């Protein structure tokens, strides 16, 4: 019965398609490691522990951007990834995450130094 319902869904919402899209390319780990060497701290807060390499344009929205180094930014797992990368909801993404995170860090550094 459930399989009949899946056939009514658009292809991109079917479970098999979603699982296939979520699989990472074989080069992902190497690219992630290289990115963390280049950008070893959270762009927003400066933390250097518990980091995520965030795709600015998510792989689910554009799979061709998964291995594009210009589509990556380093954010800490909590809270910057969800705040700056996704506007508090993993259903959203922020295409201006780099400029917003950089501006936030500059503003916080300026306030601390006063």
PDB file of N, CA and C in Angstrom:
ATOM      1  N   UNK A   1       0.827  -1.207   0.000  1.00  0.00           N
ATOM      2  CA  UNK A   1       0.000   0.000   0.000  1.00  0.00           C
ATOM      3  C   UNK A   1       0.867   1.265   0.000  1.00  0.00           C
ATOM      4  N   UNK A   2       1.880   1.289   0.871  1.00  0.00           N
ATOM      5  CA  UNK A   2       2.738   2.460   0.983  1.00  0.00           C
ATOM      6  C   UNK A   2       3.491   2.730  -0.320  1.00  0.00           C
ATOM      7  N   UNK A   3       3.916   1.665  -1.009  1.00  0.00           N
ATOM      8  CA  UNK A   3       4.638   1.843  -2.261  1.00  0.00           C
ATOM      9  C   UNK A   3       3.758   2.510  -3.323  1.00  0.00           C
ATOM     10  N   UNK A   4       2.478   2.269  -3.278  1.00  0.00           N
ATOM     11  CA  UNK A   4       1.559   2.925  -4.229  1.00  0.00           C
ATOM     12  C   UNK A   4       1.499   4.427  -3.956  1.00  0.00           C
ATOM     13  N   UNK A   5       1.541   4.791  -2.688  1.00  0.00           N
ATOM     14  CA  UNK A   5       1.539   6.218  -2.339  1.00  0.00           C
ATOM     15  C   UNK A   5       2.820   6.894  -2.803  1.00  0.00           C
ATOM     16  N   UNK A   6       3.950   6.198  -2.688  1.00  0.00           N
ATOM     17  CA  UNK A   6       5.216   6.769  -3.137  1.00  0.00           C
ATOM     18  C   UNK A   6       5.170   7.123  -4.606  1.00  0.00           C
ATOM     19  N   UNK A   7       4.481   6.328  -5.399  1.00  0.00           N
ATOM     20  CA  UNK A   7       4.397   6.592  -6.840  1.00  0.00           C
ATOM     21  C   UNK A   7       3.634   7.878  -7.146  1.00  0.00           C
ATOM     22  N   UNK A   8       2.822   8.319  -6.219  1.00  0.00           N
ATOM     23  CA  UNK A   8       2.083   9.568  -6.406  1.00  0.00           C
ATOM     24  C   UNK A   8       2.938  10.791  -6.080  1.00  0.00           C
ATOM     25  N   UNK A   9       4.010  10.580  -5.337  1.00  0.00           N
ATOM     26  CA  UNK A   9       4.885  11.683  -4.949  1.00  0.00           C
ATOM     27  C   UNK A   9       5.801  12.079  -6.100  1.00  0.00           C
ATOM     28  N   UNK A  10       6.204  13.343  -6.161  1.00  0.00           N
ATOM     29  CA  UNK A  10       7.240  13.722  -7.129  1.00  0.00           C
ATOM     30  C   UNK A  10       8.505  12.923  -6.833  1.00  0.00           C
ATOM     31  N   UNK A  11       9.302  12.663  -7.837  1.00  0.00           N
ATOM     32  CA  UNK A  11      10.485  11.821  -7.686  1.00  0.00           C
ATOM     33  C   UNK A  11      11.388  12.312  -6.559  1.00  0.00           C
ATOM     34  N   UNK A  12      11.582  13.626  -6.447  1.00  0.00           N
ATOM     35  CA  UNK A  12      12.513  14.154  -5.449  1.00  0.00           C
ATOM     36  C   UNK A  12      12.042  13.969  -4.017  1.00  0.00           C
ATOM     37  N   UNK A  13      10.759  13.598  -3.801  1.00  0.00           N
ATOM     38  CA  UNK A  13      10.257  13.343  -2.452  1.00  0.00           C
ATOM     39  C   UNK A  13      10.194  11.851  -2.115  1.00  0.00           C
ATOM     40  N   UNK A  14      10.452  10.999  -3.087  1.00  0.00           N
ATOM     41  CA  UNK A  14      10.399   9.562  -2.829  1.00  0.00           C
ATOM     42  C   UNK A  14      11.593   9.137  -1.980  1.00  0.00           C
ATOM     43  N   UNK A  15      11.371   8.249  -1.019  1.00  0.00           N
ATOM     44  CA  UNK A  15      12.441   7.867  -0.082  1.00  0.00           C
ATOM     45  C   UNK A  15      13.726   7.399  -0.750  1.00  0.00           C
ATOM     46  N   UNK A  16      13.668   6.618  -1.784  1.00  0.00           N
ATOM     47  CA  UNK A  16      14.897   6.146  -2.423  1.00  0.00           C
ATOM     48  C   UNK A  16      15.690   7.295  -3.014  1.00  0.00           C
ATOM     49  N   UNK A  17      15.015   8.259  -3.615  1.00  0.00           N
ATOM     50  CA  UNK A  17      15.703   9.408  -4.194  1.00  0.00           C
ATOM     51  C   UNK A  17      16.356  10.239  -3.089  1.00  0.00           C
ATOM     52  N   UNK A  18      15.642  10.463  -2.000  1.00  0.00           N
ATOM     53  CA  UNK A  18      16.170  11.251  -0.897  1.00  0.00           C
ATOM     54  C   UNK A  18      17.416  10.580  -0.333  1.00  0.00           C
ATOM     55  N   UNK A  19      17.384   9.264  -0.145  1.00  0.00           N
ATOM     56  CA  UNK A  19      18.557   8.554   0.368  1.00  0.00           C
ATOM     57  C   UNK A  19      19.721   8.641  -0.609  1.00  0.00           C
ATOM     58  N   UNK A  20      19.452   8.524  -1.902  1.00  0.00           N
ATOM     59  CA  UNK A  20      20.523   8.587  -2.898  1.00  0.00           C
ATOM     60  C   UNK A  20      21.171   9.970  -2.902  1.00  0.00           C
ATOM     61  N   UNK A  21      20.379  11.010  -2.754  1.00  0.00           N
ATOM     62  CA  UNK A  21      20.900  12.372  -2.757  1.00  0.00           C
ATOM     63  C   UNK A  21      21.752  12.615  -1.504  1.00  0.00           C
ATOM     64  N   UNK A  22      21.384  12.008  -0.380  1.00  0.00           N
ATOM     65  CA  UNK A  22      22.081  12.227   0.878  1.00  0.00           C
ATOM     66  C   UNK A  22      23.454  11.546   0.928  1.00  0.00           C
ATOM     67  N   UNK A  23      23.714  10.581   0.082  1.00  0.00           N
ATOM     68  CA  UNK A  23      25.019   9.924   0.078  1.00  0.00           C
ATOM     69  C   UNK A  23      26.076  10.913  -0.389  1.00  0.00           C
ATOM     70  N   UNK A  24      27.181  10.931   0.299  1.00  0.00           N
ATOM     71  CA  UNK A  24      28.270  11.849  -0.039  1.00  0.00           C
ATOM     72  C   UNK A  24      29.152  11.277  -1.131  1.00  0.00           C
ATOM     73  N   UNK A  25      29.700  12.161  -1.929  1.00  0.00           N
ATOM     74  CA  UNK A  25      30.659  11.768  -2.959  1.00  0.00           C
ATOM     75  C   UNK A  25      31.905  11.204  -2.280  1.00  0.00           C
ATOM     76  N   UNK A  26      32.601  10.335  -2.958  1.00  0.00           N
ATOM     77  CA  UNK A  26      33.781   9.694  -2.372  1.00  0.00           C
ATOM     78  C   UNK A  26      34.879  10.706  -2.039  1.00  0.00           C
ATOM     79  N   UNK A  27      34.914  11.840  -2.713  1.00  0.00           N
ATOM     80  CA  UNK A  27      35.938  12.859  -2.473  1.00  0.00           C
ATOM     81  C   UNK A  27      35.581  13.803  -1.323  1.00  0.00           C
ATOM     82  N   UNK A  28      34.388  13.651  -0.733  1.00  0.00           N
ATOM     83  CA  UNK A  28      33.920  14.594   0.267  1.00  0.00           C
ATOM     84  C   UNK A  28      34.854  14.696   1.475  1.00  0.00           C
ATOM     85  N   UNK A  29      35.287  13.586   2.035  1.00  0.00           N
ATOM     86  CA  UNK A  29      36.130  13.635   3.234  1.00  0.00           C
ATOM     87  C   UNK A  29      37.438  14.383   2.979  1.00  0.00           C
ATOM     88  N   UNK A  30      38.028  14.144   1.826  1.00  0.00           N
ATOM     89  CA  UNK A  30      39.281  14.820   1.481  1.00  0.00           C
ATOM     90  C   UNK A  30      39.051  16.331   1.323  1.00  0.00           C
ATOM     91  N   UNK A  31      37.964  16.703   0.644  1.00  0.00           N
ATOM     92  CA  UNK A  31      37.641  18.121   0.456  1.00  0.00           C
ATOM     93  C   UNK A  31      37.336  18.791   1.798  1.00  0.00           C
ATOM     94  N   UNK A  32      36.611  18.102   2.664  1.00  0.00           N
ATOM     95  CA  UNK A  32      36.273  18.634   3.984  1.00  0.00           C
ATOM     96  C   UNK A  32      37.554  18.902   4.790  1.00  0.00           C
ATOM     97  N   UNK A  33      38.462  17.940   4.788  1.00  0.00           N
ATOM     98  CA  UNK A  33      39.722  18.094   5.519  1.00  0.00           C
ATOM     99  C   UNK A  33      40.545  19.265   4.962  1.00  0.00           C
ATOM    100  N   UNK A  34      40.598  19.380   3.652  1.00  0.00           N
ATOM    101  CA  UNK A  34      41.340  20.489   3.031  1.00  0.00           C
ATOM    102  C   UNK A  34      40.695  21.830   3.382  1.00  0.00           C
ATOM    103  N   UNK A  35      39.368  21.865   3.402  1.00  0.00           N
ATOM    104  CA  UNK A  35      38.666  23.106   3.746  1.00  0.00           C
ATOM    105  C   UNK A  35      38.971  23.515   5.195  1.00  0.00           C
ATOM    106  N   UNK A  36      38.973  22.540   6.103  1.00  0.00           N
ATOM    107  CA  UNK A  36      39.250  22.859   7.509  1.00  0.00           C
ATOM    108  C   UNK A  36      40.690  23.322   7.728  1.00  0.00           C
ATOM    109  N   UNK A  37      41.604  22.883   6.888  1.00  0.00           N
ATOM    110  CA  UNK A  37      42.974  23.400   6.976  1.00  0.00           C
ATOM    111  C   UNK A  37      43.024  24.863   6.533  1.00  0.00           C
ATOM    112  N   UNK A  38      42.226  25.183   5.521  1.00  0.00           N
ATOM    113  CA  UNK A  38      42.185  26.549   4.983  1.00  0.00           C
ATOM    114  C   UNK A  38      41.392  27.492   5.896  1.00  0.00           C
ATOM    115  N   UNK A  39      40.308  26.980   6.478  1.00  0.00           N
ATOM    116  CA  UNK A  39      39.416  27.791   7.323  1.00  0.00           C
ATOM    117  C   UNK A  39      39.176  27.021   8.629  1.00  0.00           C
ATOM    118  N   UNK A  40      40.123  27.065   9.570  1.00  0.00           N
ATOM    119  CA  UNK A  40      40.091  26.179  10.736  1.00  0.00           C
ATOM    120  C   UNK A  40      39.239  26.638  11.921  1.00  0.00           C
ATOM    121  N   UNK A  41      38.469  27.702  11.746  1.00  0.00           N
ATOM    122  CA  UNK A  41      37.612  28.144  12.846  1.00  0.00           C
ATOM    123  C   UNK A  41      36.292  28.657  12.307  1.00  0.00           C
ATOM    124  N   UNK A  42      35.301  28.713  13.183  1.00  0.00           N
ATOM    125  CA  UNK A  42      33.976  29.194  12.797  1.00  0.00           C
ATOM    126  C   UNK A  42      34.088  30.637  12.303  1.00  0.00           C
ATOM    127  N   UNK A  43      33.548  30.890  11.144  1.00  0.00           N
ATOM    128  CA  UNK A  43      33.617  32.229  10.553  1.00  0.00           C
ATOM    129  C   UNK A  43      32.823  33.230  11.392  1.00  0.00           C
ATOM    130  N   UNK A  44      31.768  32.762  12.051  1.00  0.00           N
ATOM    131  CA  UNK A  44      30.915  33.672  12.813  1.00  0.00           C
ATOM    132  C   UNK A  44      31.436  33.981  14.209  1.00  0.00           C
ATOM    133  N   UNK A  45      31.917  32.959  14.930  1.00  0.00           N
ATOM    134  CA  UNK A  45      32.285  33.201  16.328  1.00  0.00           C
ATOM    135  C   UNK A  45      33.756  32.940  16.648  1.00  0.00           C
ATOM    136  N   UNK A  46      34.472  32.295  15.741  1.00  0.00           N
ATOM    137  CA  UNK A  46      35.890  32.058  15.960  1.00  0.00           C
ATOM    138  C   UNK A  46      36.222  30.783  16.704  1.00  0.00           C
ATOM    139  N   UNK A  47      35.217  30.024  17.073  1.00  0.00           N
ATOM    140  CA  UNK A  47      35.462  28.772  17.785  1.00  0.00           C
ATOM    141  C   UNK A  47      36.242  27.802  16.907  1.00  0.00           C
ATOM    142  N   UNK A  48      37.113  26.986  17.510  1.00  0.00           N
ATOM    143  CA  UNK A  48      37.905  26.045  16.717  1.00  0.00           C
ATOM    144  C   UNK A  48      37.649  24.584  17.109  1.00  0.00           C
ATOM    145  N   UNK A  49      36.584  24.325  17.827  1.00  0.00           N
ATOM    146  CA  UNK A  49      36.189  22.969  18.224  1.00  0.00           C
ATOM    147  C   UNK A  49      34.776  22.688  17.725  1.00  0.00           C
ATOM    148  N   UNK A  50      34.473  21.414  17.520  1.00  0.00           N
ATOM    149  CA  UNK A  50      33.142  20.970  17.083  1.00  0.00           C
ATOM    150  C   UNK A  50      32.662  21.754  15.862  1.00  0.00           C
ATOM    151  N   UNK A  51      33.424  21.665  14.793  1.00  0.00           N
ATOM    152  CA  UNK A  51      33.145  22.435  13.580  1.00  0.00           C
ATOM    153  C   UNK A  51      32.387  21.617  12.542  1.00  0.00           C
ATOM    154  N   UNK A  52      31.539  22.298  11.800  1.00  0.00           N
ATOM    155  CA  UNK A  52      30.854  21.725  10.643  1.00  0.00           C
ATOM    156  C   UNK A  52      31.338  22.450   9.400  1.00  0.00           C
ATOM    157  N   UNK A  53      31.516  21.700   8.333  1.00  0.00           N
ATOM    158  CA  UNK A  53      31.757  22.321   7.028  1.00  0.00           C
ATOM    159  C   UNK A  53      30.384  22.374   6.370  1.00  0.00           C
ATOM    160  N   UNK A  54      29.879  23.564   6.245  1.00  0.00           N
ATOM    161  CA  UNK A  54      28.508  23.813   5.793  1.00  0.00           C
ATOM    162  C   UNK A  54      28.495  24.121   4.296  1.00  0.00           C
ATOM    163  N   UNK A  55      27.550  23.513   3.584  1.00  0.00           N
ATOM    164  CA  UNK A  55      27.329  23.850   2.174  1.00  0.00           C
ATOM    165  C   UNK A  55      26.427  25.073   2.123  1.00  0.00           C
ATOM    166  N   UNK A  56      26.891  26.138   1.515  1.00  0.00           N
ATOM    167  CA  UNK A  56      26.105  27.371   1.417  1.00  0.00           C
ATOM    168  C   UNK A  56      24.824  27.095   0.644  1.00  0.00           C
ATOM    169  N   UNK A  57      24.951  26.525  -0.539  1.00  0.00           N
ATOM    170  CA  UNK A  57      23.791  26.009  -1.274  1.00  0.00           C
ATOM    171  C   UNK A  57      23.761  24.519  -0.977  1.00  0.00           C
ATOM    172  N   UNK A  58      22.718  24.037  -0.287  1.00  0.00           N
ATOM    173  CA  UNK A  58      22.701  22.642   0.141  1.00  0.00           C
ATOM    174  C   UNK A  58      22.787  21.655  -1.028  1.00  0.00           C
ATOM    175  N   UNK A  59      23.341  20.515  -0.735  1.00  0.00           N
ATOM    176  CA  UNK A  59      23.450  19.451  -1.733  1.00  0.00           C
ATOM    177  C   UNK A  59      22.059  19.026  -2.177  1.00  0.00           C
ATOM    178  N   UNK A  60      21.083  19.073  -1.274  1.00  0.00           N
ATOM    179  CA  UNK A  60      19.716  18.697  -1.638  1.00  0.00           C
ATOM    180  C   UNK A  60      19.105  19.670  -2.642  1.00  0.00           C
ATOM    181  N   UNK A  61      19.540  20.931  -2.621  1.00  0.00           N
ATOM    182  CA  UNK A  61      19.023  21.926  -3.559  1.00  0.00           C
ATOM    183  C   UNK A  61      19.773  21.898  -4.887  1.00  0.00           C
ATOM    184  N   UNK A  62      21.081  21.623  -4.834  1.00  0.00           N
ATOM    185  CA  UNK A  62      21.895  21.572  -6.048  1.00  0.00           C
ATOM    186  C   UNK A  62      23.052  20.588  -5.854  1.00  0.00           C
ATOM    187  N   UNK A  63      22.839  19.317  -6.198  1.00  0.00           N
ATOM    188  CA  UNK A  63      23.866  18.293  -5.984  1.00  0.00           C
ATOM    189  C   UNK A  63      25.191  18.588  -6.688  1.00  0.00           C
ATOM    190  N   UNK A  64      25.181  19.415  -7.726  1.00  0.00           N
ATOM    191  CA  UNK A  64      26.423  19.720  -8.444  1.00  0.00           C
ATOM    192  C   UNK A  64      27.366  20.586  -7.614  1.00  0.00           C
ATOM    193  N   UNK A  65      26.869  21.185  -6.524  1.00  0.00           N
ATOM    194  CA  UNK A  65      27.681  22.070  -5.687  1.00  0.00           C
ATOM    195  C   UNK A  65      28.347  21.357  -4.511  1.00  0.00           C
ATOM    196  N   UNK A  66      28.156  20.033  -4.405  1.00  0.00           N
ATOM    197  CA  UNK A  66      28.690  19.307  -3.249  1.00  0.00           C
ATOM    198  C   UNK A  66      30.207  19.438  -3.123  1.00  0.00           C
ATOM    199  N   UNK A  67      30.932  19.356  -4.212  1.00  0.00           N
ATOM    200  CA  UNK A  67      32.395  19.368  -4.166  1.00  0.00           C
ATOM    201  C   UNK A  67      32.996  20.695  -4.630  1.00  0.00           C
ATOM    202  N   UNK A  68      32.189  21.735  -4.675  1.00  0.00           N
ATOM    203  CA  UNK A  68      32.665  23.061  -5.055  1.00  0.00           C
ATOM    204  C   UNK A  68      33.236  23.753  -3.806  1.00  0.00           C
ATOM    205  N   UNK A  69      34.557  23.979  -3.759  1.00  0.00           N
ATOM    206  CA  UNK A  69      35.148  24.596  -2.561  1.00  0.00           C
ATOM    207  C   UNK A  69      34.598  25.986  -2.260  1.00  0.00           C
ATOM    208  N   UNK A  70      34.116  26.682  -3.260  1.00  0.00           N
ATOM    209  CA  UNK A  70      33.549  28.022  -3.044  1.00  0.00           C
ATOM    210  C   UNK A  70      32.162  27.962  -2.405  1.00  0.00           C
ATOM    211  N   UNK A  71      31.594  26.770  -2.294  1.00  0.00           N
ATOM    212  CA  UNK A  71      30.273  26.588  -1.709  1.00  0.00           C
ATOM    213  C   UNK A  71      30.361  26.151  -0.239  1.00  0.00           C
ATOM    214  N   UNK A  72      31.543  26.220   0.349  1.00  0.00           N
ATOM    215  CA  UNK A  72      31.738  25.741   1.715  1.00  0.00           C
ATOM    216  C   UNK A  72      32.095  26.881   2.664  1.00  0.00           C
ATOM    217  N   UNK A  73      31.665  26.731   3.893  1.00  0.00           N
ATOM    218  CA  UNK A  73      32.010  27.666   4.955  1.00  0.00           C
ATOM    219  C   UNK A  73      32.114  26.870   6.255  1.00  0.00           C
ATOM    220  N   UNK A  74      33.024  27.265   7.116  1.00  0.00           N
ATOM    221  CA  UNK A  74      33.166  26.605   8.413  1.00  0.00           C
ATOM    222  C   UNK A  74      32.312  27.324   9.445  1.00  0.00           C
ATOM    223  N   UNK A  75      31.460  26.544  10.112  1.00  0.00           N
ATOM    224  CA  UNK A  75      30.618  27.054  11.191  1.00  0.00           C
ATOM    225  C   UNK A  75      30.682  26.081  12.355  1.00  0.00           C
ATOM    226  N   UNK A  76      30.594  26.562  13.571  1.00  0.00           N
ATOM    227  CA  UNK A  76      30.573  25.635  14.706  1.00  0.00           C
ATOM    228  C   UNK A  76      29.220  24.921  14.728  1.00  0.00           C
ATOM    229  N   UNK A  77      29.253  23.713  15.286  1.00  0.00           N
ATOM    230  CA  UNK A  77      28.045  22.876  15.293  1.00  0.00           C
ATOM    231  C   UNK A  77      26.878  23.527  16.011  1.00  0.00           C
ATOM    232  N   UNK A  78      27.188  24.208  17.115  1.00  0.00           N
ATOM    233  CA  UNK A  78      26.122  24.802  17.907  1.00  0.00           C
ATOM    234  C   UNK A  78      26.637  26.093  18.533  1.00  0.00           C
ATOM    235  N   UNK A  79      26.052  27.208  18.253  1.00  0.00           N
ATOM    236  CA  UNK A  79      24.804  27.454  17.561  1.00  0.00           C
ATOM    237  C   UNK A  79      24.941  27.977  16.134  1.00  0.00           C
ATOM    238  N   UNK A  80      26.129  28.338  15.696  1.00  0.00           N
ATOM    239  CA  UNK A  80      26.276  29.090  14.439  1.00  0.00           C
ATOM    240  C   UNK A  80      25.749  28.367  13.198  1.00  0.00           C
ATOM    241  N   UNK A  81      25.899  27.043  13.142  1.00  0.00           N
ATOM    242  CA  UNK A  81      25.426  26.313  11.961  1.00  0.00           C
ATOM    243  C   UNK A  81      23.926  26.511  11.757  1.00  0.00           C
ATOM    244  N   UNK A  82      23.147  26.289  12.803  1.00  0.00           N
ATOM    245  CA  UNK A  82      21.687  26.426  12.668  1.00  0.00           C
ATOM    246  C   UNK A  82      21.268  27.894  12.563  1.00  0.00           C
ATOM    247  N   UNK A  83      21.956  28.787  13.257  1.00  0.00           N
ATOM    248  CA  UNK A  83      21.579  30.205  13.255  1.00  0.00           C
ATOM    249  C   UNK A  83      21.912  30.861  11.916  1.00  0.00           C
ATOM    250  N   UNK A  84      23.174  30.824  11.525  1.00  0.00           N
ATOM    251  CA  UNK A  84      23.597  31.516  10.307  1.00  0.00           C
ATOM    252  C   UNK A  84      23.348  30.705   9.044  1.00  0.00           C
ATOM    253  N   UNK A  85      23.553  29.405   9.126  1.00  0.00           N
ATOM    254  CA  UNK A  85      23.419  28.573   7.936  1.00  0.00           C
ATOM    255  C   UNK A  85      21.988  28.266   7.541  1.00  0.00           C
ATOM    256  N   UNK A  86      21.099  28.212   8.568  1.00  0.00           N
ATOM    257  CA  UNK A  86      19.739  27.745   8.288  1.00  0.00           C
ATOM    258  C   UNK A  86      18.627  28.606   8.883  1.00  0.00           C
ATOM    259  N   UNK A  87      18.934  29.763   9.412  1.00  0.00           N
ATOM    260  CA  UNK A  87      17.900  30.630  10.011  1.00  0.00           C
ATOM    261  C   UNK A  87      17.015  29.875  11.005  1.00  0.00           C
ATOM    262  N   UNK A  88      17.619  29.038  11.851  1.00  0.00           N
ATOM    263  CA  UNK A  88      16.934  28.284  12.898  1.00  0.00           C
ATOM    264  C   UNK A  88      16.057  27.143  12.385  1.00  0.00           C
ATOM    265  N   UNK A  89      16.110  26.802  11.109  1.00  0.00           N
ATOM    266  CA  UNK A  89      15.320  25.688  10.583  1.00  0.00           C
ATOM    267  C   UNK A  89      16.089  25.006   9.456  1.00  0.00           C
ATOM    268  N   UNK A  90      16.305  23.704   9.598  1.00  0.00           N
ATOM    269  CA  UNK A  90      17.037  22.984   8.566  1.00  0.00           C
ATOM    270  C   UNK A  90      16.277  22.910   7.246  1.00  0.00           C
ATOM    271  N   UNK A  91      15.066  23.373   7.227  1.00  0.00           N
ATOM    272  CA  UNK A  91      14.313  23.449   5.965  1.00  0.00           C
ATOM    273  C   UNK A  91      14.719  24.670   5.141  1.00  0.00           C
ATOM    274  N   UNK A  92      15.434  25.590   5.768  1.00  0.00           N
ATOM    275  CA  UNK A  92      15.862  26.825   5.103  1.00  0.00           C
ATOM    276  C   UNK A  92      17.372  26.806   4.902  1.00  0.00           C
ATOM    277  N   UNK A  93      17.829  27.657   4.007  1.00  0.00           N
ATOM    278  CA  UNK A  93      19.265  27.896   3.903  1.00  0.00           C
ATOM    279  C   UNK A  93      19.505  29.353   3.578  1.00  0.00           C
ATOM    280  N   UNK A  94      20.687  29.807   3.957  1.00  0.00           N
ATOM    281  CA  UNK A  94      21.048  31.213   3.849  1.00  0.00           C
ATOM    282  C   UNK A  94      22.152  31.364   2.805  1.00  0.00           C
ATOM    283  N   UNK A  95      21.803  31.871   1.648  1.00  0.00           N
ATOM    284  CA  UNK A  95      22.808  32.022   0.593  1.00  0.00           C
ATOM    285  C   UNK A  95      23.814  33.135   0.916  1.00  0.00           C
ATOM    286  N   UNK A  96      23.488  33.999   1.869  1.00  0.00           N
ATOM    287  CA  UNK A  96      24.387  35.083   2.273  1.00  0.00           C
ATOM    288  C   UNK A  96      25.098  34.771   3.597  1.00  0.00           C
ATOM    289  N   UNK A  97      25.226  33.487   3.914  1.00  0.00           N
ATOM    290  CA  UNK A  97      25.789  33.080   5.195  1.00  0.00           C
ATOM    291  C   UNK A  97      27.195  33.629   5.411  1.00  0.00           C
ATOM    292  N   UNK A  98      28.024  33.648   4.394  1.00  0.00           N
ATOM    293  CA  UNK A  98      29.405  34.119   4.574  1.00  0.00           C
ATOM    294  C   UNK A  98      29.431  35.597   4.966  1.00  0.00           C
ATOM    295  N   UNK A  99      28.695  36.435   4.254  1.00  0.00           N
ATOM    296  CA  UNK A  99      28.729  37.869   4.573  1.00  0.00           C
ATOM    297  C   UNK A  99      28.084  38.147   5.931  1.00  0.00           C
ATOM    298  N   UNK A 100      27.021  37.439   6.268  1.00  0.00           N
ATOM    299  CA  UNK A 100      26.368  37.652   7.563  1.00  0.00           C
ATOM    300  C   UNK A 100      27.254  37.191   8.721  1.00  0.00           C
ATOM    301  N   UNK A 101      27.886  36.029   8.558  1.00  0.00           N
ATOM    302  CA  UNK A 101      28.756  35.510   9.613  1.00  0.00           C
ATOM    303  C   UNK A 101      29.977  36.407   9.805  1.00  0.00           C
ATOM    304  N   UNK A 102      30.544  36.870   8.709  1.00  0.00           N
ATOM    305  CA  UNK A 102      31.705  37.762   8.782  1.00  0.00           C
ATOM    306  C   UNK A 102      31.333  39.085   9.446  1.00  0.00           C
ATOM    307  N   UNK A 103      30.188  39.642   9.075  1.00  0.00           N
ATOM    308  CA  UNK A 103      29.733  40.904   9.674  1.00  0.00           C
ATOM    309  C   UNK A 103      29.456  40.738  11.165  1.00  0.00           C
ATOM    310  N   UNK A 104      28.868  39.600  11.535  1.00  0.00           N
ATOM    311  CA  UNK A 104      28.590  39.343  12.950  1.00  0.00           C
ATOM    312  C   UNK A 104      29.892  39.284  13.755  1.00  0.00           C
ATOM    313  N   UNK A 105      30.858  38.556  13.224  1.00  0.00           N
ATOM    314  CA  UNK A 105      32.130  38.430  13.944  1.00  0.00           C
ATOM    315  C   UNK A 105      32.827  39.785  14.071  1.00  0.00           C
ATOM    316  N   UNK A 106      32.801  40.570  13.009  1.00  0.00           N
ATOM    317  CA  UNK A 106      33.412  41.902  13.066  1.00  0.00           C
ATOM    318  C   UNK A 106      32.714  42.770  14.106  1.00  0.00           C
ATOM    319  N   UNK A 107      31.384  42.709  14.153  1.00  0.00           N
ATOM    320  CA  UNK A 107      30.634  43.513  15.118  1.00  0.00           C
ATOM    321  C   UNK A 107      30.936  43.063  16.553  1.00  0.00           C
ATOM    322  N   UNK A 108      31.020  41.761  16.776  1.00  0.00           N
ATOM    323  CA  UNK A 108      31.310  41.263  18.118  1.00  0.00           C
ATOM    324  C   UNK A 108      32.748  41.583  18.540  1.00  0.00           C
ATOM    325  N   UNK A 109      33.676  41.501  17.619  1.00  0.00           N
ATOM    326  CA  UNK A 109      35.064  41.837  17.927  1.00  0.00           C
ATOM    327  C   UNK A 109      35.171  43.308  18.276  1.00  0.00           C
ATOM    328  N   UNK A 110      34.475  44.146  17.527  1.00  0.00           N
ATOM    329  CA  UNK A 110      34.497  45.587  17.783  1.00  0.00           C
ATOM    330  C   UNK A 110      33.920  45.899  19.162  1.00  0.00           C
ATOM    331  N   UNK A 111      32.831  45.241  19.527  1.00  0.00           N
ATOM    332  CA  UNK A 111      32.191  45.500  20.821  1.00  0.00           C
ATOM    333  C   UNK A 111      33.076  45.017  21.974  1.00  0.00           C
ATOM    334  N   UNK A 112      33.724  43.885  21.806  1.00  0.00           N
ATOM    335  CA  UNK A 112      34.562  43.350  22.863  1.00  0.00           C
ATOM    336  C   UNK A 112      35.777  44.229  23.094  1.00  0.00           C
ATOM    337  N   UNK A 113      36.313  44.784  22.025  1.00  0.00           N
ATOM    338  CA  UNK A 113      37.549  45.569  22.110  1.00  0.00           C
ATOM    339  C   UNK A 113      37.316  46.968  22.666  1.00  0.00           C
ATOM    340  N   UNK A 114      36.124  47.417  22.779  1.00  0.00           N
ATOM    341  CA  UNK A 114      35.857  48.781  23.270  1.00  0.00           C
ATOM    342  C   UNK A 114      36.138  48.945  24.710  1.00  0.00           C
TER     343      UNK A 114
END
